[in-house]
Amino acid sequence: MSGGDGSPGPVFAGIDIGGTSIKWMVVDEAGDVLDEGAEPTDREAVASQVGGTGQRLARSHPGLAGFGLICPGLVDEKTGTVVYAANLELRGAWLARAVEEATGVPAALMHDGRAAGLAEGLLGAGRGASSFLMMPIGTGISVALMLGDVLWSGAAFSAGEVGHAPVFPGGEPCRCGSRGCLEVYASAKGIARRYEQATGEDIGAKAVEAGIGSDPVASEVWGTAVRALALSLTHMTLTVDVERIIIGGGLSHAGEHLLAPLRQEFASMLTFRDAPEIVRARLGGAGGRWGAAVLAARVGGSTSYERWQP
């Protein structure tokens, strides 16, 4: 079998379905990226948009052997169904089956945070750790828990949905219906929204980061995000006691602007024990897509991902 561009062997497609954009990546058995792209998410017709993306990729790559689909929310990974997603109209969507029917290619679905954790554990910053917590921070926030060799999803598929756990009870309202949730204060979307709420300027999280130290509102918004993250990580550390904490997603590109104050705030909250190390994800904002590609290889019957070097 050969890929659509003449490369030997099968190829695998990962599709990352986010609240802002849908990103995709096609890799071969060596882990070389053959194709990648993105388009804005059509929130009113996400399922059909994903099916259309799958069809285009299948036509472009006749050697396609598997799809790995990832999205936020509560995901039943055994049936390939989205149980709930606060930022997307996907409740009850049988995404894996829809893509299989549209393309004739096997597909599997995974929570986006767990997919990023899977990739970091196999290919990135989680290597060598007996246990770790991976927190991708983007439009939303979730956590992947790798405990030993087990990527824990929970009894009701909600393990790691910390973005909707209140850190400031009675605080600002969240799309999930609660108040004071972590996502409201510390997601990239939440940071941008809170800055705009205070100033009337929609400048985005990157610009808020750039204003730290010179813009008092930016400094306050960023400091609140760091405090919210430290509170969440403190609760999780005292619950599961992981060896390593990995920060990923788009906001991880802030680097030490985020990690340095987060380490300090986090350590100050753990008064009777040392804090686990906090490191930046090796795969950055691409962790989810690499996890989706690993999922695609698995559903396509390949273990080639064991040799990949992103």
C-alpha atoms as a PDB file:
ATOM      1  CA  MET A   1       0.000   0.000   0.000  1.00  0.00           C
ATOM      2  CA  SER A   2       1.263   3.524  -0.664  1.00  0.00           C
ATOM      3  CA  GLY A   3       0.254   7.022   0.450  1.00  0.00           C
ATOM      4  CA  GLY A   4      -1.336   9.561  -1.863  1.00  0.00           C
ATOM      5  CA  ASP A   5       2.010  11.298  -2.405  1.00  0.00           C
ATOM      6  CA  GLY A   6       3.859   8.111  -3.332  1.00  0.00           C
ATOM      7  CA  SER A   7       5.318   7.486   0.132  1.00  0.00           C
ATOM      8  CA  PRO A   8       5.629   3.795   1.040  1.00  0.00           C
ATOM      9  CA  GLY A   9       3.191   2.235   3.468  1.00  0.00           C
ATOM     10  CA  PRO A  10      -0.040   3.486   4.963  1.00  0.00           C
ATOM     11  CA  VAL A  11      -0.640   7.003   6.244  1.00  0.00           C
ATOM     12  CA  PHE A  12      -2.644   8.247   9.213  1.00  0.00           C
ATOM     13  CA  ALA A  13      -4.764  11.351   9.753  1.00  0.00           C
ATOM     14  CA  GLY A  14      -5.305  13.158  13.032  1.00  0.00           C
ATOM     15  CA  ILE A  15      -8.129  15.711  13.269  1.00  0.00           C
ATOM     16  CA  ASP A  16      -8.229  18.102  16.228  1.00  0.00           C
ATOM     17  CA  ILE A  17     -11.727  19.566  16.672  1.00  0.00           C
ATOM     18  CA  GLY A  18     -11.493  22.730  18.729  1.00  0.00           C
ATOM     19  CA  GLY A  19     -13.853  25.494  19.711  1.00  0.00           C
ATOM     20  CA  THR A  20     -12.056  27.973  17.439  1.00  0.00           C
ATOM     21  CA  SER A  21     -10.593  25.870  14.646  1.00  0.00           C
ATOM     22  CA  ILE A  22     -10.374  22.360  13.237  1.00  0.00           C
ATOM     23  CA  LYS A  23      -6.781  21.315  12.572  1.00  0.00           C
ATOM     24  CA  TRP A  24      -5.583  18.214  10.783  1.00  0.00           C
ATOM     25  CA  MET A  25      -2.313  16.429  10.173  1.00  0.00           C
ATOM     26  CA  VAL A  26      -1.419  13.432   8.003  1.00  0.00           C
ATOM     27  CA  VAL A  27       1.714  11.432   8.812  1.00  0.00           C
ATOM     28  CA  ASP A  28       3.379   8.388   7.320  1.00  0.00           C
ATOM     29  CA  GLU A  29       4.773   5.354   9.130  1.00  0.00           C
ATOM     30  CA  ALA A  30       8.052   7.163   9.785  1.00  0.00           C
ATOM     31  CA  GLY A  31       6.204   9.995  11.509  1.00  0.00           C
ATOM     32  CA  ASP A  32       6.920  12.488   8.732  1.00  0.00           C
ATOM     33  CA  VAL A  33       4.176  15.087   8.293  1.00  0.00           C
ATOM     34  CA  LEU A  34       2.780  14.841   4.755  1.00  0.00           C
ATOM     35  CA  ASP A  35      -0.103  17.288   5.052  1.00  0.00           C
ATOM     36  CA  GLU A  36      -1.506  19.706   7.623  1.00  0.00           C
ATOM     37  CA  GLY A  37      -3.982  22.539   7.736  1.00  0.00           C
ATOM     38  CA  ALA A  38      -6.726  24.297   9.644  1.00  0.00           C
ATOM     39  CA  GLU A  39     -10.056  26.020   9.149  1.00  0.00           C
ATOM     40  CA  PRO A  40     -12.436  27.946  11.434  1.00  0.00           C
ATOM     41  CA  THR A  41     -14.883  25.754  13.320  1.00  0.00           C
ATOM     42  CA  ASP A  42     -18.471  25.983  12.086  1.00  0.00           C
ATOM     43  CA  ARG A  43     -20.137  25.725  15.482  1.00  0.00           C
ATOM     44  CA  GLU A  44     -23.575  25.161  13.974  1.00  0.00           C
ATOM     45  CA  ALA A  45     -22.508  22.183  11.854  1.00  0.00           C
ATOM     46  CA  VAL A  46     -19.384  20.733  13.431  1.00  0.00           C
ATOM     47  CA  ALA A  47     -20.176  17.061  12.801  1.00  0.00           C
ATOM     48  CA  SER A  48     -20.797  17.544   9.072  1.00  0.00           C
ATOM     49  CA  GLN A  49     -17.705  19.757   8.828  1.00  0.00           C
ATOM     50  CA  VAL A  50     -15.568  16.999  10.343  1.00  0.00           C
ATOM     51  CA  GLY A  51     -17.072  14.478   7.918  1.00  0.00           C
ATOM     52  CA  GLY A  52     -16.239  16.767   5.009  1.00  0.00           C
ATOM     53  CA  THR A  53     -12.673  17.200   6.250  1.00  0.00           C
ATOM     54  CA  GLY A  54     -12.314  13.423   6.469  1.00  0.00           C
ATOM     55  CA  GLN A  55     -13.583  12.993   2.917  1.00  0.00           C
ATOM     56  CA  ARG A  56     -11.108  15.550   1.559  1.00  0.00           C
ATOM     57  CA  LEU A  57      -8.207  13.881   3.341  1.00  0.00           C
ATOM     58  CA  ALA A  58      -9.258  10.418   2.162  1.00  0.00           C
ATOM     59  CA  ARG A  59      -9.411  11.655  -1.455  1.00  0.00           C
ATOM     60  CA  SER A  60      -6.013  13.356  -1.173  1.00  0.00           C
ATOM     61  CA  HIS A  61      -4.343  10.344   0.472  1.00  0.00           C
ATOM     62  CA  PRO A  62      -5.589   7.028  -1.002  1.00  0.00           C
ATOM     63  CA  GLY A  63      -3.247   5.145   1.386  1.00  0.00           C
ATOM     64  CA  LEU A  64      -5.075   6.501   4.423  1.00  0.00           C
ATOM     65  CA  ALA A  65      -5.409   3.652   6.946  1.00  0.00           C
ATOM     66  CA  GLY A  66      -6.953   5.356   9.968  1.00  0.00           C
ATOM     67  CA  PHE A  67      -8.447   8.536  11.411  1.00  0.00           C
ATOM     68  CA  GLY A  68      -7.836   9.760  14.939  1.00  0.00           C
ATOM     69  CA  LEU A  69     -10.421  12.338  16.028  1.00  0.00           C
ATOM     70  CA  ILE A  70     -10.075  14.408  19.174  1.00  0.00           C
ATOM     71  CA  CYS A  71     -12.338  16.993  20.780  1.00  0.00           C
ATOM     72  CA  PRO A  72     -13.002  18.602  24.175  1.00  0.00           C
ATOM     73  CA  GLY A  73     -15.810  17.737  26.570  1.00  0.00           C
ATOM     74  CA  LEU A  74     -17.001  14.363  27.826  1.00  0.00           C
ATOM     75  CA  VAL A  75     -16.024  11.689  25.325  1.00  0.00           C
ATOM     76  CA  ASP A  76     -17.058   8.039  25.349  1.00  0.00           C
ATOM     77  CA  GLU A  77     -13.962   6.667  23.681  1.00  0.00           C
ATOM     78  CA  LYS A  78     -15.295   3.094  23.484  1.00  0.00           C
ATOM     79  CA  THR A  79     -18.266   4.057  21.294  1.00  0.00           C
ATOM     80  CA  GLY A  80     -16.702   7.116  19.605  1.00  0.00           C
ATOM     81  CA  THR A  81     -19.451   9.393  20.943  1.00  0.00           C
ATOM     82  CA  VAL A  82     -19.352  12.933  22.314  1.00  0.00           C
ATOM     83  CA  VAL A  83     -21.414  12.946  25.510  1.00  0.00           C
ATOM     84  CA  TYR A  84     -21.076  16.703  26.150  1.00  0.00           C
ATOM     85  CA  ALA A  85     -18.954  19.609  24.883  1.00  0.00           C
ATOM     86  CA  ALA A  86     -19.465  23.076  26.363  1.00  0.00           C
ATOM     87  CA  ASN A  87     -17.898  24.962  23.449  1.00  0.00           C
ATOM     88  CA  LEU A  88     -19.249  22.870  20.560  1.00  0.00           C
ATOM     89  CA  GLU A  89     -22.636  21.656  19.299  1.00  0.00           C
ATOM     90  CA  LEU A  90     -21.672  17.993  19.471  1.00  0.00           C
ATOM     91  CA  ARG A  91     -23.778  16.498  22.264  1.00  0.00           C
ATOM     92  CA  GLY A  92     -24.592  12.911  21.333  1.00  0.00           C
ATOM     93  CA  ALA A  93     -22.625  13.014  18.061  1.00  0.00           C
ATOM     94  CA  TRP A  94     -21.288   9.648  16.895  1.00  0.00           C
ATOM     95  CA  LEU A  95     -18.212  11.250  15.366  1.00  0.00           C
ATOM     96  CA  ALA A  96     -16.094   8.162  14.746  1.00  0.00           C
ATOM     97  CA  ARG A  97     -18.926   6.311  13.025  1.00  0.00           C
ATOM     98  CA  ALA A  98     -19.826   9.404  10.962  1.00  0.00           C
ATOM     99  CA  VAL A  99     -16.275   9.675   9.615  1.00  0.00           C
ATOM    100  CA  GLU A 100     -16.077   5.943   8.930  1.00  0.00           C
ATOM    101  CA  GLU A 101     -19.342   6.070   6.978  1.00  0.00           C
ATOM    102  CA  ALA A 102     -18.214   9.138   5.024  1.00  0.00           C
ATOM    103  CA  THR A 103     -14.798   7.742   4.097  1.00  0.00           C
ATOM    104  CA  GLY A 104     -14.753   3.953   4.494  1.00  0.00           C
ATOM    105  CA  VAL A 105     -11.659   4.359   6.705  1.00  0.00           C
ATOM    106  CA  PRO A 106     -11.608   3.179  10.344  1.00  0.00           C
ATOM    107  CA  ALA A 107     -11.810   6.001  12.888  1.00  0.00           C
ATOM    108  CA  ALA A 108     -11.501   6.402  16.647  1.00  0.00           C
ATOM    109  CA  LEU A 109     -12.360   9.271  18.980  1.00  0.00           C
ATOM    110  CA  MET A 110     -10.466  10.517  22.046  1.00  0.00           C
ATOM    111  CA  HIS A 111     -10.683  13.462  24.417  1.00  0.00           C
ATOM    112  CA  ASP A 112      -8.286  16.171  23.212  1.00  0.00           C
ATOM    113  CA  GLY A 113      -6.529  16.582  26.561  1.00  0.00           C
ATOM    114  CA  ARG A 114      -5.968  12.849  26.922  1.00  0.00           C
ATOM    115  CA  ALA A 115      -4.693  12.714  23.345  1.00  0.00           C
ATOM    116  CA  ALA A 116      -2.135  15.434  24.124  1.00  0.00           C
ATOM    117  CA  GLY A 117      -1.135  13.504  27.235  1.00  0.00           C
ATOM    118  CA  LEU A 118      -0.821  10.297  25.220  1.00  0.00           C
ATOM    119  CA  ALA A 119       1.501  12.037  22.767  1.00  0.00           C
ATOM    120  CA  GLU A 120       3.627  13.681  25.473  1.00  0.00           C
ATOM    121  CA  GLY A 121       3.957  10.343  27.265  1.00  0.00           C
ATOM    122  CA  LEU A 122       5.042   8.458  24.142  1.00  0.00           C
ATOM    123  CA  LEU A 123       6.904  11.170  22.239  1.00  0.00           C
ATOM    124  CA  GLY A 124       7.540  14.159  24.487  1.00  0.00           C
ATOM    125  CA  ALA A 125       7.963  15.614  27.963  1.00  0.00           C
ATOM    126  CA  GLY A 126       6.324  12.695  29.771  1.00  0.00           C
ATOM    127  CA  ARG A 127       9.000  10.201  28.793  1.00  0.00           C
ATOM    128  CA  GLY A 128      10.720   8.662  31.812  1.00  0.00           C
ATOM    129  CA  ALA A 129       8.111   9.778  34.342  1.00  0.00           C
ATOM    130  CA  SER A 130       6.334   7.128  36.414  1.00  0.00           C
ATOM    131  CA  SER A 131       3.256   9.375  36.464  1.00  0.00           C
ATOM    132  CA  PHE A 132       2.383  12.785  35.113  1.00  0.00           C
ATOM    133  CA  LEU A 133      -0.371  15.300  34.713  1.00  0.00           C
ATOM    134  CA  MET A 134      -0.643  16.992  31.321  1.00  0.00           C
ATOM    135  CA  MET A 135      -2.637  20.248  31.143  1.00  0.00           C
ATOM    136  CA  PRO A 136      -3.237  21.664  27.647  1.00  0.00           C
ATOM    137  CA  ILE A 137      -4.367  25.294  27.862  1.00  0.00           C
ATOM    138  CA  GLY A 138      -6.104  26.704  24.786  1.00  0.00           C
ATOM    139  CA  THR A 139      -9.698  27.723  24.102  1.00  0.00           C
ATOM    140  CA  GLY A 140     -10.485  25.470  27.070  1.00  0.00           C
ATOM    141  CA  ILE A 141      -8.546  23.629  29.769  1.00  0.00           C
ATOM    142  CA  SER A 142      -8.456  19.953  30.633  1.00  0.00           C
ATOM    143  CA  VAL A 143      -6.011  17.477  32.141  1.00  0.00           C
ATOM    144  CA  ALA A 144      -4.691  14.092  31.083  1.00  0.00           C
ATOM    145  CA  LEU A 145      -3.726  11.811  33.964  1.00  0.00           C
ATOM    146  CA  MET A 146      -1.087   9.207  33.183  1.00  0.00           C
ATOM    147  CA  LEU A 147      -0.850   6.959  36.242  1.00  0.00           C
ATOM    148  CA  GLY A 148       1.746   4.307  35.605  1.00  0.00           C
ATOM    149  CA  ASP A 149       0.875   2.962  32.162  1.00  0.00           C
ATOM    150  CA  VAL A 150      -2.793   3.931  32.402  1.00  0.00           C
ATOM    151  CA  LEU A 151      -4.298   7.026  30.792  1.00  0.00           C
ATOM    152  CA  TRP A 152      -7.225   7.474  33.169  1.00  0.00           C
ATOM    153  CA  SER A 153     -10.570   8.570  31.646  1.00  0.00           C
ATOM    154  CA  GLY A 154     -12.841   8.005  34.644  1.00  0.00           C
ATOM    155  CA  ALA A 155     -16.103   6.187  35.326  1.00  0.00           C
ATOM    156  CA  ALA A 156     -18.198   8.837  33.535  1.00  0.00           C
ATOM    157  CA  PHE A 157     -15.544   9.979  31.005  1.00  0.00           C
ATOM    158  CA  SER A 158     -14.996  13.221  32.951  1.00  0.00           C
ATOM    159  CA  ALA A 159     -11.560  12.635  34.490  1.00  0.00           C
ATOM    160  CA  GLY A 160      -9.521  15.753  33.881  1.00  0.00           C
ATOM    161  CA  GLU A 161     -12.408  18.147  33.151  1.00  0.00           C
ATOM    162  CA  VAL A 162     -10.800  20.624  35.524  1.00  0.00           C
ATOM    163  CA  GLY A 163     -11.618  23.562  33.272  1.00  0.00           C
ATOM    164  CA  HIS A 164     -15.148  23.386  34.657  1.00  0.00           C
ATOM    165  CA  ALA A 165     -14.138  23.013  38.301  1.00  0.00           C
ATOM    166  CA  PRO A 166     -14.676  26.289  40.199  1.00  0.00           C
ATOM    167  CA  VAL A 167     -11.479  27.841  41.515  1.00  0.00           C
ATOM    168  CA  PHE A 168     -13.173  31.049  42.656  1.00  0.00           C
ATOM    169  CA  PRO A 169     -16.632  29.902  43.883  1.00  0.00           C
ATOM    170  CA  GLY A 170     -19.381  32.372  43.037  1.00  0.00           C
ATOM    171  CA  GLY A 171     -17.130  34.063  40.501  1.00  0.00           C
ATOM    172  CA  GLU A 172     -17.732  34.930  36.859  1.00  0.00           C
ATOM    173  CA  PRO A 173     -20.230  32.785  34.911  1.00  0.00           C
ATOM    174  CA  CYS A 174     -19.041  29.946  32.672  1.00  0.00           C
ATOM    175  CA  ARG A 175     -20.653  28.472  29.551  1.00  0.00           C
ATOM    176  CA  CYS A 176     -21.112  25.201  31.443  1.00  0.00           C
ATOM    177  CA  GLY A 177     -23.654  26.867  33.758  1.00  0.00           C
ATOM    178  CA  SER A 178     -21.413  27.093  36.818  1.00  0.00           C
ATOM    179  CA  ARG A 179     -19.520  30.129  38.138  1.00  0.00           C
ATOM    180  CA  GLY A 180     -15.852  30.758  38.865  1.00  0.00           C
ATOM    181  CA  CYS A 181     -14.536  27.917  36.663  1.00  0.00           C
ATOM    182  CA  LEU A 182     -10.847  27.611  35.849  1.00  0.00           C
ATOM    183  CA  GLU A 183     -11.484  28.155  32.110  1.00  0.00           C
ATOM    184  CA  VAL A 184     -13.154  31.502  32.802  1.00  0.00           C
ATOM    185  CA  TYR A 185      -9.909  32.884  34.235  1.00  0.00           C
ATOM    186  CA  ALA A 186      -7.007  30.896  32.798  1.00  0.00           C
ATOM    187  CA  SER A 187      -7.827  29.667  29.284  1.00  0.00           C
ATOM    188  CA  ALA A 188      -6.484  31.713  26.377  1.00  0.00           C
ATOM    189  CA  LYS A 189     -10.053  32.640  25.535  1.00  0.00           C
ATOM    190  CA  GLY A 190     -10.791  33.545  29.151  1.00  0.00           C
ATOM    191  CA  ILE A 191      -7.696  35.743  29.455  1.00  0.00           C
ATOM    192  CA  ALA A 192      -8.604  37.638  26.285  1.00  0.00           C
ATOM    193  CA  ARG A 193     -12.238  37.977  27.372  1.00  0.00           C
ATOM    194  CA  ARG A 194     -11.376  39.313  30.821  1.00  0.00           C
ATOM    195  CA  TYR A 195      -8.999  41.891  29.343  1.00  0.00           C
ATOM    196  CA  GLU A 196     -11.648  43.019  26.878  1.00  0.00           C
ATOM    197  CA  GLN A 197     -14.213  43.149  29.690  1.00  0.00           C
ATOM    198  CA  ALA A 198     -11.958  45.530  31.630  1.00  0.00           C
ATOM    199  CA  THR A 199     -10.736  47.723  28.757  1.00  0.00           C
ATOM    200  CA  GLY A 200     -13.111  47.312  25.823  1.00  0.00           C
ATOM    201  CA  GLU A 201     -10.160  46.124  23.678  1.00  0.00           C
ATOM    202  CA  ASP A 202     -10.170  42.669  22.070  1.00  0.00           C
ATOM    203  CA  ILE A 203      -6.423  42.057  21.738  1.00  0.00           C
ATOM    204  CA  GLY A 204      -6.062  38.301  22.361  1.00  0.00           C
ATOM    205  CA  ALA A 205      -4.104  36.368  24.968  1.00  0.00           C
ATOM    206  CA  LYS A 206      -0.717  36.824  23.254  1.00  0.00           C
ATOM    207  CA  ALA A 207      -1.050  40.597  23.410  1.00  0.00           C
ATOM    208  CA  VAL A 208      -2.138  40.400  27.046  1.00  0.00           C
ATOM    209  CA  GLU A 209       1.042  38.413  27.739  1.00  0.00           C
ATOM    210  CA  ALA A 210       3.095  41.069  25.931  1.00  0.00           C
ATOM    211  CA  GLY A 211       1.612  43.732  28.207  1.00  0.00           C
ATOM    212  CA  ILE A 212       2.731  42.099  31.472  1.00  0.00           C
ATOM    213  CA  GLY A 213       4.661  44.665  33.511  1.00  0.00           C
ATOM    214  CA  SER A 214       3.731  47.662  31.361  1.00  0.00           C
ATOM    215  CA  ASP A 215      -0.056  47.356  31.257  1.00  0.00           C
ATOM    216  CA  PRO A 216      -1.640  47.130  34.744  1.00  0.00           C
ATOM    217  CA  VAL A 217      -4.802  45.461  33.412  1.00  0.00           C
ATOM    218  CA  ALA A 218      -2.769  42.857  31.493  1.00  0.00           C
ATOM    219  CA  SER A 219      -0.675  42.185  34.594  1.00  0.00           C
ATOM    220  CA  GLU A 220      -3.777  41.758  36.753  1.00  0.00           C
ATOM    221  CA  VAL A 221      -5.540  39.467  34.268  1.00  0.00           C
ATOM    222  CA  TRP A 222      -2.401  37.352  33.799  1.00  0.00           C
ATOM    223  CA  GLY A 223      -1.759  37.194  37.553  1.00  0.00           C
ATOM    224  CA  THR A 224      -5.311  36.007  38.189  1.00  0.00           C
ATOM    225  CA  ALA A 225      -4.880  33.301  35.529  1.00  0.00           C
ATOM    226  CA  VAL A 226      -1.659  32.117  37.189  1.00  0.00           C
ATOM    227  CA  ARG A 227      -3.314  32.050  40.613  1.00  0.00           C
ATOM    228  CA  ALA A 228      -6.266  30.062  39.251  1.00  0.00           C
ATOM    229  CA  LEU A 229      -3.933  27.536  37.620  1.00  0.00           C
ATOM    230  CA  ALA A 230      -1.867  27.183  40.801  1.00  0.00           C
ATOM    231  CA  LEU A 231      -5.011  26.502  42.832  1.00  0.00           C
ATOM    232  CA  SER A 232      -6.141  23.825  40.392  1.00  0.00           C
ATOM    233  CA  LEU A 233      -2.716  22.165  40.277  1.00  0.00           C
ATOM    234  CA  THR A 234      -2.497  22.209  44.085  1.00  0.00           C
ATOM    235  CA  HIS A 235      -5.794  20.378  44.409  1.00  0.00           C
ATOM    236  CA  MET A 236      -4.760  17.775  41.838  1.00  0.00           C
ATOM    237  CA  THR A 237      -1.288  17.295  43.314  1.00  0.00           C
ATOM    238  CA  LEU A 238      -2.721  16.584  46.761  1.00  0.00           C
ATOM    239  CA  THR A 239      -5.218  14.176  45.190  1.00  0.00           C
ATOM    240  CA  VAL A 240      -3.123  12.068  42.823  1.00  0.00           C
ATOM    241  CA  ASP A 241       0.489  13.042  43.688  1.00  0.00           C
ATOM    242  CA  VAL A 242       2.054  12.824  40.218  1.00  0.00           C
ATOM    243  CA  GLU A 243       5.796  13.003  39.586  1.00  0.00           C
ATOM    244  CA  ARG A 244       5.632  15.635  36.827  1.00  0.00           C
ATOM    245  CA  ILE A 245       3.300  18.357  35.563  1.00  0.00           C
ATOM    246  CA  ILE A 246       3.358  19.244  31.869  1.00  0.00           C
ATOM    247  CA  ILE A 247       1.816  22.469  30.572  1.00  0.00           C
ATOM    248  CA  GLY A 248       0.821  22.363  26.900  1.00  0.00           C
ATOM    249  CA  GLY A 249      -1.613  23.857  24.437  1.00  0.00           C
ATOM    250  CA  GLY A 250      -1.384  27.254  22.777  1.00  0.00           C
ATOM    251  CA  LEU A 251      -0.756  29.144  26.024  1.00  0.00           C
ATOM    252  CA  SER A 252       2.379  27.063  26.678  1.00  0.00           C
ATOM    253  CA  HIS A 253       4.095  29.179  24.015  1.00  0.00           C
ATOM    254  CA  ALA A 254       4.252  31.921  26.667  1.00  0.00           C
ATOM    255  CA  GLY A 255       7.107  29.881  28.157  1.00  0.00           C
ATOM    256  CA  GLU A 256       8.620  31.315  31.318  1.00  0.00           C
ATOM    257  CA  HIS A 257       6.187  34.252  31.299  1.00  0.00           C
ATOM    258  CA  LEU A 258       3.686  31.626  32.408  1.00  0.00           C
ATOM    259  CA  LEU A 259       5.781  28.884  33.975  1.00  0.00           C
ATOM    260  CA  ALA A 260       8.024  30.972  36.255  1.00  0.00           C
ATOM    261  CA  PRO A 261       5.215  32.718  38.171  1.00  0.00           C
ATOM    262  CA  LEU A 262       3.161  29.512  38.105  1.00  0.00           C
ATOM    263  CA  ARG A 263       5.978  27.535  39.759  1.00  0.00           C
ATOM    264  CA  GLN A 264       6.341  30.216  42.425  1.00  0.00           C
ATOM    265  CA  GLU A 265       2.603  30.480  43.162  1.00  0.00           C
ATOM    266  CA  PHE A 266       2.186  26.698  43.109  1.00  0.00           C
ATOM    267  CA  ALA A 267       5.084  26.098  45.508  1.00  0.00           C
ATOM    268  CA  SER A 268       3.713  28.705  47.924  1.00  0.00           C
ATOM    269  CA  MET A 269       0.439  26.759  48.176  1.00  0.00           C
ATOM    270  CA  LEU A 270       2.141  23.432  48.997  1.00  0.00           C
ATOM    271  CA  THR A 271       3.371  24.365  52.439  1.00  0.00           C
ATOM    272  CA  PHE A 272       4.235  20.911  53.790  1.00  0.00           C
ATOM    273  CA  ARG A 273       5.758  19.180  50.764  1.00  0.00           C
ATOM    274  CA  ASP A 274       7.857  19.881  47.684  1.00  0.00           C
ATOM    275  CA  ALA A 275       6.021  20.734  44.509  1.00  0.00           C
ATOM    276  CA  PRO A 276       6.343  18.373  41.543  1.00  0.00           C
ATOM    277  CA  GLU A 277       8.322  19.787  38.661  1.00  0.00           C
ATOM    278  CA  ILE A 278       6.430  21.856  36.092  1.00  0.00           C
ATOM    279  CA  VAL A 279       7.752  21.633  32.532  1.00  0.00           C
ATOM    280  CA  ARG A 280       6.606  22.881  29.176  1.00  0.00           C
ATOM    281  CA  ALA A 281       5.160  20.344  26.770  1.00  0.00           C
ATOM    282  CA  ARG A 282       7.726  19.246  24.218  1.00  0.00           C
ATOM    283  CA  LEU A 283       5.093  19.109  21.473  1.00  0.00           C
ATOM    284  CA  GLY A 284       3.556  22.482  22.356  1.00  0.00           C
ATOM    285  CA  GLY A 285       0.208  23.238  20.776  1.00  0.00           C
ATOM    286  CA  ALA A 286       0.664  20.296  18.381  1.00  0.00           C
ATOM    287  CA  GLY A 287       0.403  17.685  21.153  1.00  0.00           C
ATOM    288  CA  GLY A 288      -3.262  16.989  20.490  1.00  0.00           C
ATOM    289  CA  ARG A 289      -2.681  16.453  16.781  1.00  0.00           C
ATOM    290  CA  TRP A 290       0.205  14.065  17.462  1.00  0.00           C
ATOM    291  CA  GLY A 291      -1.999  12.195  19.903  1.00  0.00           C
ATOM    292  CA  ALA A 292      -4.700  12.035  17.232  1.00  0.00           C
ATOM    293  CA  ALA A 293      -2.131  10.676  14.767  1.00  0.00           C
ATOM    294  CA  VAL A 294      -1.093   7.989  17.279  1.00  0.00           C
ATOM    295  CA  LEU A 295      -4.777   7.103  17.694  1.00  0.00           C
ATOM    296  CA  ALA A 296      -5.131   6.912  13.903  1.00  0.00           C
ATOM    297  CA  ALA A 297      -2.147   4.564  13.665  1.00  0.00           C
ATOM    298  CA  ARG A 298      -3.613   2.337  16.377  1.00  0.00           C
ATOM    299  CA  VAL A 299      -7.031   2.117  14.745  1.00  0.00           C
ATOM    300  CA  GLY A 300      -5.252   1.459  11.453  1.00  0.00           C
ATOM    301  CA  GLY A 301      -3.464  -1.528  12.983  1.00  0.00           C
ATOM    302  CA  SER A 302       0.036  -0.019  13.144  1.00  0.00           C
ATOM    303  CA  THR A 303       2.546   0.436  15.979  1.00  0.00           C
ATOM    304  CA  SER A 304       4.817   2.617  13.830  1.00  0.00           C
ATOM    305  CA  TYR A 305       4.301   5.547  16.241  1.00  0.00           C
ATOM    306  CA  GLU A 306       6.750   3.856  18.634  1.00  0.00           C
ATOM    307  CA  ARG A 307       9.538   5.096  16.315  1.00  0.00           C
ATOM    308  CA  TRP A 308       8.253   8.631  15.683  1.00  0.00           C
ATOM    309  CA  GLN A 309      10.432  11.614  16.542  1.00  0.00           C
ATOM    310  CA  PRO A 310       8.336  14.810  16.193  1.00  0.00           C
END
